[in-house]
Amino acid sequence: MGVVRPEEITQASLASFGNAPDPRMRHVSQALVKHLHAFVSEVDPTPDEWMAGIEFLTRVGHMSQGARQEFILLSDVLGVSMLVDTMANPGGGNATESTVLGPFYVDNPPLAEQGADIAKGVEGVPMWIDVTVTDISGRPLAGAIVDIWEGGPDGLYDVQRNLAPGEYDLRGRFAADQDGRVTCWAKMPVSYPVPDDGPVGDLLAATGRHPWRPAHVHFRISAEGHPPLITHLFASGDQYLTSDAVFGVKPSLVLDLEDGQDRDIPGDRPIDGQWKIMEHTFVLADG
């Protein structure tokens, strides 16, 4: 009995999880207590400041509804999403590097035909996507499933707009042909801000950070015998490549978009003006 010292509170909290039957749960719980108590000891918050932190996390939870996943966004802007991804996918060899999934992936959209137009009338500069999927020995992975999605020129993804159920734009799923190749029409990506009208946006503003992501296209690629690859391709020259709000840029994923004026237009599509080409080979690691 008597005055309880801070270190005694920490030790008692750690001990309370010491009998957790699952070793992994015991390790995670005690590590959380240890580092959270260390944070509190370093910051020395007032009771009002600690309550403000609790209220902030409560707002994050309330904002997380439907396509708006504010906790994923918080993880992203704190760099935790990229840290987890990089630790889980350390890279090495010639396999394509991964990056964050983001909150706007849609599982199992309908399969599209090769060369399809996933933009479906969305305004912007037309872009021909021509990608190939291989293993680390360069062998094409026929039948690989390739999900492609990107934001529109307004900075919004289809799931953020009021489309009818089952309707998509700037999003498609493809099966690679016998050469491991996938082609489609999309739009030249543009830089855009992450949703900043909620608590995460308030955090960015309070800390002097911008909410912008550089122009990119998302890819998720799976093939039998290989771990799935989740990655982006970024357009070179974007002003936010060195300050991505979610820390997702890796140099190997930045590429030049070729001007299409001197190329034959795939599918004899009528284009009056500028169009771009995004070409890349994705290399999947061994399983």
Protein backbone atom coordinates (compact mmCIF):
# COMPACT_ATOMS: atom_id res chain seq x y z
CA MET A 1 0.00 0.00 0.00
CA GLY A 2 1.03 3.62 -0.42
CA VAL A 3 1.97 5.80 -3.39
CA VAL A 4 2.29 3.73 -6.58
CA ARG A 5 5.24 4.71 -8.74
CA PRO A 6 4.87 4.93 -12.53
CA GLU A 7 7.25 2.03 -13.13
CA GLU A 8 5.21 -0.14 -10.77
CA ILE A 9 2.07 0.53 -12.83
CA THR A 10 3.92 -0.55 -15.96
CA GLN A 11 5.25 -3.71 -14.35
CA ALA A 12 1.82 -4.61 -12.97
CA SER A 13 0.24 -4.05 -16.41
CA LEU A 14 2.87 -6.23 -18.10
CA ALA A 15 2.40 -8.97 -15.51
CA SER A 16 -1.37 -8.98 -16.03
CA PHE A 17 -0.83 -10.33 -19.56
CA GLY A 18 1.86 -12.79 -18.51
CA ASN A 19 -0.48 -15.77 -18.35
CA ALA A 20 -2.07 -15.33 -21.77
CA PRO A 21 -2.29 -18.91 -23.11
CA ASP A 22 -1.33 -18.01 -26.68
CA PRO A 23 2.39 -17.04 -26.85
CA ARG A 24 1.87 -14.64 -29.76
CA MET A 25 -0.99 -12.87 -28.00
CA ARG A 26 1.13 -12.63 -24.83
CA HIS A 27 4.04 -11.11 -26.77
CA VAL A 28 1.86 -8.61 -28.67
CA SER A 29 -0.08 -7.53 -25.57
CA GLN A 30 3.02 -7.00 -23.45
CA ALA A 31 4.84 -5.19 -26.27
CA LEU A 32 1.85 -2.88 -26.65
CA VAL A 33 1.83 -2.11 -22.94
CA LYS A 34 5.59 -1.55 -22.85
CA HIS A 35 5.70 0.84 -25.79
CA LEU A 36 2.48 2.66 -24.94
CA HIS A 37 3.64 3.26 -21.39
CA ALA A 38 7.00 4.44 -22.74
CA PHE A 39 5.18 6.89 -25.03
CA VAL A 40 3.14 8.25 -22.12
CA SER A 41 6.25 8.56 -19.94
CA GLU A 42 8.10 10.47 -22.68
CA VAL A 43 5.23 12.80 -23.65
CA ASP A 44 3.90 13.30 -20.09
CA PRO A 45 0.39 14.28 -21.26
CA THR A 46 -2.02 16.17 -19.06
CA PRO A 47 -5.34 14.40 -18.37
CA ASP A 48 -7.00 16.81 -20.81
CA GLU A 49 -4.46 15.98 -23.53
CA TRP A 50 -4.93 12.26 -22.99
CA MET A 51 -8.70 12.67 -23.25
CA ALA A 52 -8.20 14.65 -26.47
CA GLY A 53 -6.27 11.70 -27.85
CA ILE A 54 -9.07 9.31 -26.92
CA GLU A 55 -11.62 11.63 -28.51
CA PHE A 56 -9.48 11.77 -31.68
CA LEU A 57 -9.46 7.97 -31.97
CA THR A 58 -13.20 7.90 -31.28
CA ARG A 59 -13.72 10.29 -34.22
CA VAL A 60 -11.55 8.06 -36.39
CA GLY A 61 -13.80 5.12 -35.54
CA HIS A 62 -17.00 7.04 -36.19
CA MET A 63 -15.65 8.20 -39.58
CA SER A 64 -14.91 4.62 -40.67
CA GLN A 65 -18.00 3.63 -42.60
CA GLY A 66 -18.42 1.98 -46.00
CA ALA A 67 -15.62 2.96 -48.40
CA ARG A 68 -14.27 5.48 -45.87
CA GLN A 69 -11.81 3.58 -43.66
CA GLU A 70 -10.27 6.28 -41.51
CA PHE A 71 -8.18 3.83 -39.47
CA ILE A 72 -6.45 2.60 -42.64
CA LEU A 73 -5.86 6.24 -43.55
CA LEU A 74 -4.42 6.94 -40.10
CA SER A 75 -2.13 3.92 -40.41
CA ASP A 76 -1.09 5.17 -43.86
CA VAL A 77 -0.19 8.75 -42.88
CA LEU A 78 1.72 7.55 -39.80
CA GLY A 79 3.87 5.37 -42.05
CA VAL A 80 2.73 2.20 -40.31
CA SER A 81 1.07 0.67 -43.38
CA MET A 82 4.28 0.98 -45.39
CA LEU A 83 6.37 -0.28 -42.47
CA VAL A 84 4.22 -3.41 -42.14
CA ASP A 85 4.25 -3.95 -45.91
CA THR A 86 8.02 -3.51 -46.20
CA MET A 87 8.73 -5.82 -43.28
CA ALA A 88 6.42 -8.46 -44.77
CA ASN A 89 7.89 -8.02 -48.27
CA PRO A 90 11.60 -7.24 -47.85
CA GLY A 91 12.23 -7.66 -51.58
CA GLY A 92 15.51 -8.81 -53.00
CA GLY A 93 16.41 -10.31 -56.33
CA ASN A 94 14.58 -9.01 -59.35
CA ALA A 95 11.02 -9.41 -58.05
CA THR A 96 8.84 -6.31 -58.34
CA GLU A 97 8.63 -4.33 -55.12
CA SER A 98 5.34 -4.01 -53.25
CA THR A 99 3.61 -1.02 -51.75
CA VAL A 100 0.42 -0.29 -49.79
CA LEU A 101 -2.95 -1.66 -50.87
CA GLY A 102 -4.86 1.49 -49.98
CA PRO A 103 -8.49 1.63 -48.81
CA PHE A 104 -10.20 1.48 -52.23
CA TYR A 105 -9.49 -2.07 -53.40
CA VAL A 106 -12.59 -4.00 -54.45
CA ASP A 107 -12.44 -7.77 -54.21
CA ASN A 108 -13.60 -9.83 -57.18
CA PRO A 109 -14.79 -7.26 -59.74
CA PRO A 110 -16.04 -8.81 -63.00
CA LEU A 111 -13.43 -10.11 -65.43
CA ALA A 112 -12.83 -7.74 -68.35
CA GLU A 113 -11.74 -8.47 -71.91
CA GLN A 114 -8.20 -7.75 -73.05
CA GLY A 115 -8.00 -4.22 -74.42
CA ALA A 116 -11.16 -3.11 -72.63
CA ASP A 117 -11.75 0.54 -71.76
CA ILE A 118 -12.02 0.65 -67.97
CA ALA A 119 -12.40 4.45 -68.03
CA LYS A 120 -15.95 4.16 -69.43
CA GLY A 121 -16.19 7.78 -70.50
CA VAL A 122 -14.34 9.33 -67.55
CA GLU A 123 -12.66 12.54 -68.66
CA GLY A 124 -8.88 12.82 -68.81
CA VAL A 125 -5.94 11.95 -71.03
CA PRO A 126 -6.37 8.43 -72.49
CA MET A 127 -3.67 5.98 -71.43
CA TRP A 128 -2.93 2.54 -72.86
CA ILE A 129 -1.78 0.11 -70.15
CA ASP A 130 0.36 -2.74 -71.48
CA VAL A 131 1.88 -4.91 -68.76
CA THR A 132 3.41 -8.36 -68.63
CA VAL A 133 3.62 -10.76 -65.68
CA THR A 134 6.57 -13.16 -65.36
CA ASP A 135 8.32 -15.26 -62.74
CA ILE A 136 11.83 -14.41 -61.57
CA SER A 137 13.30 -16.43 -64.46
CA GLY A 138 11.42 -14.34 -66.99
CA ARG A 139 8.85 -16.99 -67.89
CA PRO A 140 5.43 -15.48 -68.64
CA LEU A 141 2.69 -16.36 -66.18
CA ALA A 142 -0.29 -17.12 -68.38
CA GLY A 143 -3.61 -16.80 -66.58
CA ALA A 144 -2.26 -14.51 -63.84
CA ILE A 145 -5.10 -12.41 -62.43
CA VAL A 146 -4.36 -8.70 -62.61
CA ASP A 147 -6.54 -6.15 -60.81
CA ILE A 148 -6.06 -2.56 -61.98
CA TRP A 149 -7.63 0.52 -60.39
CA GLU A 150 -6.98 4.25 -60.18
CA GLY A 151 -8.58 7.50 -59.11
CA GLY A 152 -10.29 9.78 -61.60
CA PRO A 153 -9.33 13.31 -62.65
CA ASP A 154 -11.40 14.60 -59.71
CA GLY A 155 -9.15 12.66 -57.32
CA LEU A 156 -11.93 10.24 -56.38
CA TYR A 157 -12.17 6.49 -56.84
CA ASP A 158 -15.37 4.91 -58.13
CA VAL A 159 -16.31 3.61 -54.67
CA GLN A 160 -16.23 7.21 -53.39
CA ARG A 161 -18.84 8.27 -55.93
CA ASN A 162 -22.51 7.41 -56.13
CA LEU A 163 -22.39 4.69 -58.76
CA ALA A 164 -25.08 2.06 -58.95
CA PRO A 165 -24.31 -1.22 -57.14
CA GLY A 166 -22.02 -3.39 -59.26
CA GLU A 167 -20.92 -0.51 -61.50
CA TYR A 168 -17.24 0.40 -61.71
CA ASP A 169 -15.01 2.78 -63.59
CA LEU A 170 -11.24 3.05 -63.76
CA ARG A 171 -11.22 -0.45 -62.31
CA GLY A 172 -10.90 -3.84 -63.97
CA ARG A 173 -9.80 -7.43 -63.45
CA PHE A 174 -7.99 -9.26 -66.23
CA ALA A 175 -6.56 -12.71 -66.91
CA ALA A 176 -3.12 -12.56 -68.53
CA ASP A 177 -2.87 -14.15 -71.97
CA GLN A 178 -0.44 -16.94 -72.93
CA ASP A 179 2.39 -14.39 -73.02
CA GLY A 180 1.55 -13.14 -69.51
CA ARG A 181 0.27 -9.90 -71.01
CA VAL A 182 -2.63 -7.63 -69.98
CA THR A 183 -3.79 -4.58 -71.92
CA CYS A 184 -6.51 -2.01 -71.37
CA TRP A 185 -7.42 1.62 -71.84
CA ALA A 186 -7.47 3.82 -68.74
CA LYS A 187 -6.66 7.46 -68.00
CA MET A 188 -3.37 9.14 -67.25
CA PRO A 189 -3.25 9.22 -63.43
CA VAL A 190 -3.25 12.50 -61.55
CA SER A 191 -2.01 13.41 -58.10
CA TYR A 192 -4.78 13.76 -55.52
CA PRO A 193 -5.25 14.39 -51.79
CA VAL A 194 -6.16 11.61 -49.41
CA PRO A 195 -9.52 12.32 -47.70
CA ASP A 196 -8.70 15.24 -45.42
CA ASP A 197 -12.15 16.29 -44.21
CA GLY A 198 -11.97 14.14 -41.07
CA PRO A 199 -9.75 13.61 -38.03
CA VAL A 200 -6.77 12.40 -40.07
CA GLY A 201 -6.98 15.55 -42.17
CA ASP A 202 -7.05 17.58 -38.96
CA LEU A 203 -3.90 15.77 -37.82
CA LEU A 204 -2.12 16.55 -41.08
CA ALA A 205 -3.12 20.22 -40.90
CA ALA A 206 -2.10 20.53 -37.24
CA THR A 207 1.34 19.10 -38.00
CA GLY A 208 1.98 21.13 -41.16
CA ARG A 209 1.75 18.18 -43.56
CA HIS A 210 0.02 18.10 -46.94
CA PRO A 211 -2.46 15.33 -47.86
CA TRP A 212 -1.30 14.71 -51.43
CA ARG A 213 -0.36 11.46 -53.18
CA PRO A 214 1.61 11.43 -56.45
CA ALA A 215 -0.07 10.17 -59.62
CA HIS A 216 -0.23 6.38 -59.69
CA VAL A 217 -2.12 3.29 -60.82
CA HIS A 218 -2.80 0.38 -58.45
CA PHE A 219 -2.11 -3.27 -59.31
CA ARG A 220 -2.83 -6.51 -57.49
CA ILE A 221 -1.43 -9.58 -59.24
CA SER A 222 -1.88 -13.22 -58.30
CA ALA A 223 -0.72 -16.43 -59.96
CA GLU A 224 -0.66 -20.01 -58.74
CA GLY A 225 2.56 -20.86 -56.93
CA HIS A 226 3.47 -17.23 -56.22
CA PRO A 227 2.64 -14.86 -53.38
CA PRO A 228 0.28 -12.07 -54.48
CA LEU A 229 1.90 -8.78 -55.46
CA ILE A 230 0.27 -5.51 -54.37
CA THR A 231 1.94 -2.47 -55.86
CA HIS A 232 1.59 0.84 -57.73
CA LEU A 233 3.19 2.34 -60.80
CA PHE A 234 3.95 6.04 -60.36
CA ALA A 235 4.24 8.62 -63.12
CA SER A 236 7.66 10.28 -63.21
CA GLY A 237 7.87 14.03 -62.79
CA ASP A 238 5.07 14.31 -60.24
CA GLN A 239 5.75 17.00 -57.66
CA TYR A 240 4.71 14.73 -54.77
CA LEU A 241 6.99 11.78 -55.49
CA THR A 242 9.34 12.81 -52.67
CA SER A 243 6.61 13.69 -50.18
CA ASP A 244 3.87 11.10 -50.65
CA ALA A 245 1.44 11.49 -47.75
CA VAL A 246 1.44 7.72 -47.17
CA PHE A 247 5.16 7.07 -47.90
CA GLY A 248 4.32 4.57 -50.66
CA VAL A 249 6.83 5.57 -53.36
CA LYS A 250 9.74 3.28 -54.19
CA PRO A 251 12.16 4.36 -56.96
CA SER A 252 11.77 1.09 -58.85
CA LEU A 253 8.04 1.78 -59.24
CA VAL A 254 8.46 5.19 -60.90
CA LEU A 255 8.36 5.13 -64.69
CA ASP A 256 8.14 7.46 -67.64
CA LEU A 257 4.84 7.50 -69.48
CA GLU A 258 5.49 7.44 -73.21
CA ASP A 259 3.67 9.86 -75.50
CA GLY A 260 1.54 7.95 -77.98
CA GLN A 261 1.49 10.38 -80.90
CA ASP A 262 4.08 8.42 -82.88
CA ARG A 263 2.55 5.02 -82.13
CA ASP A 264 -0.33 3.22 -83.78
CA ILE A 265 -3.42 3.51 -81.63
CA PRO A 266 -4.34 0.06 -80.24
CA GLY A 267 -7.69 -1.17 -81.49
CA ASP A 268 -7.90 1.71 -83.97
CA ARG A 269 -9.49 3.78 -81.24
CA PRO A 270 -10.30 7.32 -82.42
CA ILE A 271 -8.26 9.75 -80.31
CA ASP A 272 -8.11 13.43 -81.08
CA GLY A 273 -5.17 14.75 -79.13
CA GLN A 274 -2.72 13.52 -76.55
CA TRP A 275 -2.56 9.97 -75.24
CA LYS A 276 -0.08 8.12 -73.06
CA ILE A 277 1.35 4.62 -72.75
CA MET A 278 2.17 2.80 -69.49
CA GLU A 279 4.34 -0.27 -70.16
CA HIS A 280 5.91 -2.43 -67.50
CA THR A 281 6.88 -6.00 -66.63
CA PHE A 282 5.87 -7.28 -63.22
CA VAL A 283 8.05 -10.04 -61.77
CA LEU A 284 6.44 -12.26 -59.14
CA ALA A 285 8.54 -13.80 -56.40
CA ASP A 286 8.63 -17.54 -55.95
CA GLY A 287 6.15 -19.04 -53.53
